[in-house]
Amino acid sequence: QTDLHNEACTVRESLLFSARLRLKTRHASSKEIDEAKERWCEQLIEWLGLEEYADILVGNESAGEGLPKHVRKRLTVGVEWASNCSVLFADEPT
């Protein structure tokens, strides 16, 4: 199983990218909406225990650089969770 992430992005950028694309927007200014999405991503980082890795590049797993495998798995969960889904099914979560 491979976790696909942009190797040139940090953990924080990966979560924020997902949130910006997938979260529904309400009637508010674009600045307010973006700030809310940034706060949501910071909350995800805390919940997933990714504070230590938040500003580290994802890197290329096959080249042995970047995030450790267990952190990539948590990032993958976070990218899906960034959509603020009601239910998240996980097979063999790590």
C-alpha atoms as a PDB file:
ATOM      1  CA  GLN A   1       0.000   0.000   0.000  1.00  0.00           C
ATOM      2  CA  THR A   2       1.330   3.382  -0.984  1.00  0.00           C
ATOM      3  CA  ASP A   3       0.432   6.732   0.515  1.00  0.00           C
ATOM      4  CA  LEU A   4       0.421   9.334  -2.243  1.00  0.00           C
ATOM      5  CA  HIS A   5       1.419  12.810  -1.141  1.00  0.00           C
ATOM      6  CA  ASN A   6       3.218  15.692  -2.817  1.00  0.00           C
ATOM      7  CA  GLU A   7       6.801  15.199  -1.697  1.00  0.00           C
ATOM      8  CA  ALA A   8       7.549  18.932  -2.027  1.00  0.00           C
ATOM      9  CA  CYS A   9       4.909  19.922   0.559  1.00  0.00           C
ATOM     10  CA  THR A  10       5.064  19.943   4.321  1.00  0.00           C
ATOM     11  CA  VAL A  11       2.558  18.096   6.487  1.00  0.00           C
ATOM     12  CA  ARG A  12       0.774  21.395   7.232  1.00  0.00           C
ATOM     13  CA  GLU A  13       0.639  22.336   3.538  1.00  0.00           C
ATOM     14  CA  SER A  14      -0.732  18.900   2.604  1.00  0.00           C
ATOM     15  CA  LEU A  15      -3.559  19.188   5.122  1.00  0.00           C
ATOM     16  CA  LEU A  16      -4.334  22.773   4.179  1.00  0.00           C
ATOM     17  CA  PHE A  17      -4.394  21.912   0.468  1.00  0.00           C
ATOM     18  CA  SER A  18      -6.924  19.155   1.126  1.00  0.00           C
ATOM     19  CA  ALA A  19      -9.050  21.404   3.339  1.00  0.00           C
ATOM     20  CA  ARG A  20      -9.058  24.252   0.786  1.00  0.00           C
ATOM     21  CA  LEU A  21     -10.198  21.894  -1.948  1.00  0.00           C
ATOM     22  CA  ARG A  22     -12.710  19.812  -0.053  1.00  0.00           C
ATOM     23  CA  LEU A  23     -14.310  21.865   2.711  1.00  0.00           C
ATOM     24  CA  LYS A  24     -17.553  23.527   1.834  1.00  0.00           C
ATOM     25  CA  THR A  25     -17.605  27.288   2.131  1.00  0.00           C
ATOM     26  CA  ARG A  26     -20.290  29.310   3.803  1.00  0.00           C
ATOM     27  CA  HIS A  27     -21.283  32.890   3.195  1.00  0.00           C
ATOM     28  CA  ALA A  28     -18.287  34.745   4.572  1.00  0.00           C
ATOM     29  CA  SER A  29     -15.315  36.634   3.233  1.00  0.00           C
ATOM     30  CA  SER A  30     -12.602  34.568   1.595  1.00  0.00           C
ATOM     31  CA  LYS A  31     -10.172  35.679   4.328  1.00  0.00           C
ATOM     32  CA  GLU A  32     -12.500  34.393   7.076  1.00  0.00           C
ATOM     33  CA  ILE A  33     -12.999  31.124   5.229  1.00  0.00           C
ATOM     34  CA  ASP A  34      -9.265  30.601   4.750  1.00  0.00           C
ATOM     35  CA  GLU A  35      -8.547  31.409   8.401  1.00  0.00           C
ATOM     36  CA  ALA A  36     -11.182  28.879   9.482  1.00  0.00           C
ATOM     37  CA  LYS A  37      -9.588  26.214   7.276  1.00  0.00           C
ATOM     38  CA  GLU A  38      -6.158  27.007   8.712  1.00  0.00           C
ATOM     39  CA  ARG A  39      -7.528  26.644  12.256  1.00  0.00           C
ATOM     40  CA  TRP A  40      -9.119  23.320  11.284  1.00  0.00           C
ATOM     41  CA  CYS A  41      -5.781  22.052   9.945  1.00  0.00           C
ATOM     42  CA  GLU A  42      -3.993  23.096  13.129  1.00  0.00           C
ATOM     43  CA  GLN A  43      -6.597  21.146  15.100  1.00  0.00           C
ATOM     44  CA  LEU A  44      -6.001  18.079  12.910  1.00  0.00           C
ATOM     45  CA  ILE A  45      -2.246  18.363  13.437  1.00  0.00           C
ATOM     46  CA  GLU A  46      -2.810  18.365  17.184  1.00  0.00           C
ATOM     47  CA  TRP A  47      -5.327  15.489  17.168  1.00  0.00           C
ATOM     48  CA  LEU A  48      -3.072  13.328  15.001  1.00  0.00           C
ATOM     49  CA  GLY A  49       0.032  14.096  17.050  1.00  0.00           C
ATOM     50  CA  LEU A  50       1.832  15.639  14.081  1.00  0.00           C
ATOM     51  CA  GLU A  51       3.091  18.807  15.812  1.00  0.00           C
ATOM     52  CA  GLU A  52       6.698  17.608  15.624  1.00  0.00           C
ATOM     53  CA  TYR A  53       6.391  16.967  11.876  1.00  0.00           C
ATOM     54  CA  ALA A  54       4.092  19.833  10.803  1.00  0.00           C
ATOM     55  CA  ASP A  55       6.792  21.810   8.985  1.00  0.00           C
ATOM     56  CA  ILE A  56       8.804  18.891   7.609  1.00  0.00           C
ATOM     57  CA  LEU A  57       8.647  18.043   3.907  1.00  0.00           C
ATOM     58  CA  VAL A  58       6.817  14.828   3.092  1.00  0.00           C
ATOM     59  CA  GLY A  59       9.747  13.736   0.908  1.00  0.00           C
ATOM     60  CA  ASN A  60      10.162  10.711  -1.321  1.00  0.00           C
ATOM     61  CA  GLU A  61       9.525   7.465   0.545  1.00  0.00           C
ATOM     62  CA  SER A  62      11.148   5.242  -2.084  1.00  0.00           C
ATOM     63  CA  ALA A  63      14.366   7.299  -1.838  1.00  0.00           C
ATOM     64  CA  GLY A  64      14.292   6.927   1.944  1.00  0.00           C
ATOM     65  CA  GLU A  65      13.863  10.631   2.635  1.00  0.00           C
ATOM     66  CA  GLY A  66      11.220  12.682   4.400  1.00  0.00           C
ATOM     67  CA  LEU A  67       8.634  11.441   6.837  1.00  0.00           C
ATOM     68  CA  PRO A  68       8.782   8.061   8.551  1.00  0.00           C
ATOM     69  CA  LYS A  69       6.174   5.548   7.359  1.00  0.00           C
ATOM     70  CA  HIS A  70       4.036   5.774  10.526  1.00  0.00           C
ATOM     71  CA  VAL A  71       3.815   9.558  10.111  1.00  0.00           C
ATOM     72  CA  ARG A  72       2.838   9.210   6.437  1.00  0.00           C
ATOM     73  CA  LYS A  73      -0.021   6.947   7.529  1.00  0.00           C
ATOM     74  CA  ARG A  74      -1.258   9.560  10.006  1.00  0.00           C
ATOM     75  CA  LEU A  75      -0.943  12.235   7.306  1.00  0.00           C
ATOM     76  CA  THR A  76      -3.053  10.111   4.954  1.00  0.00           C
ATOM     77  CA  VAL A  77      -5.781   9.873   7.606  1.00  0.00           C
ATOM     78  CA  GLY A  78      -5.507  13.636   8.158  1.00  0.00           C
ATOM     79  CA  VAL A  79      -5.842  14.452   4.457  1.00  0.00           C
ATOM     80  CA  GLU A  80      -9.121  12.527   4.379  1.00  0.00           C
ATOM     81  CA  TRP A  81     -10.256  13.940   7.709  1.00  0.00           C
ATOM     82  CA  ALA A  82      -9.555  17.477   6.420  1.00  0.00           C
ATOM     83  CA  SER A  83     -12.835  17.287   4.510  1.00  0.00           C
ATOM     84  CA  ASN A  84     -14.607  17.222   7.906  1.00  0.00           C
ATOM     85  CA  CYS A  85     -16.412  14.041   6.920  1.00  0.00           C
ATOM     86  CA  SER A  86     -19.137  12.606   9.126  1.00  0.00           C
ATOM     87  CA  VAL A  87     -17.708   9.094   8.952  1.00  0.00           C
ATOM     88  CA  LEU A  88     -14.220   7.874   8.143  1.00  0.00           C
ATOM     89  CA  PHE A  89     -13.792   4.157   7.520  1.00  0.00           C
ATOM     90  CA  ALA A  90     -10.281   2.819   8.003  1.00  0.00           C
ATOM     91  CA  ASP A  91      -9.062  -0.702   7.342  1.00  0.00           C
ATOM     92  CA  GLU A  92      -6.216  -1.576   9.700  1.00  0.00           C
ATOM     93  CA  PRO A  93      -5.631   1.998  10.889  1.00  0.00           C
ATOM     94  CA  THR A  94      -2.181   2.777  12.253  1.00  0.00           C
END
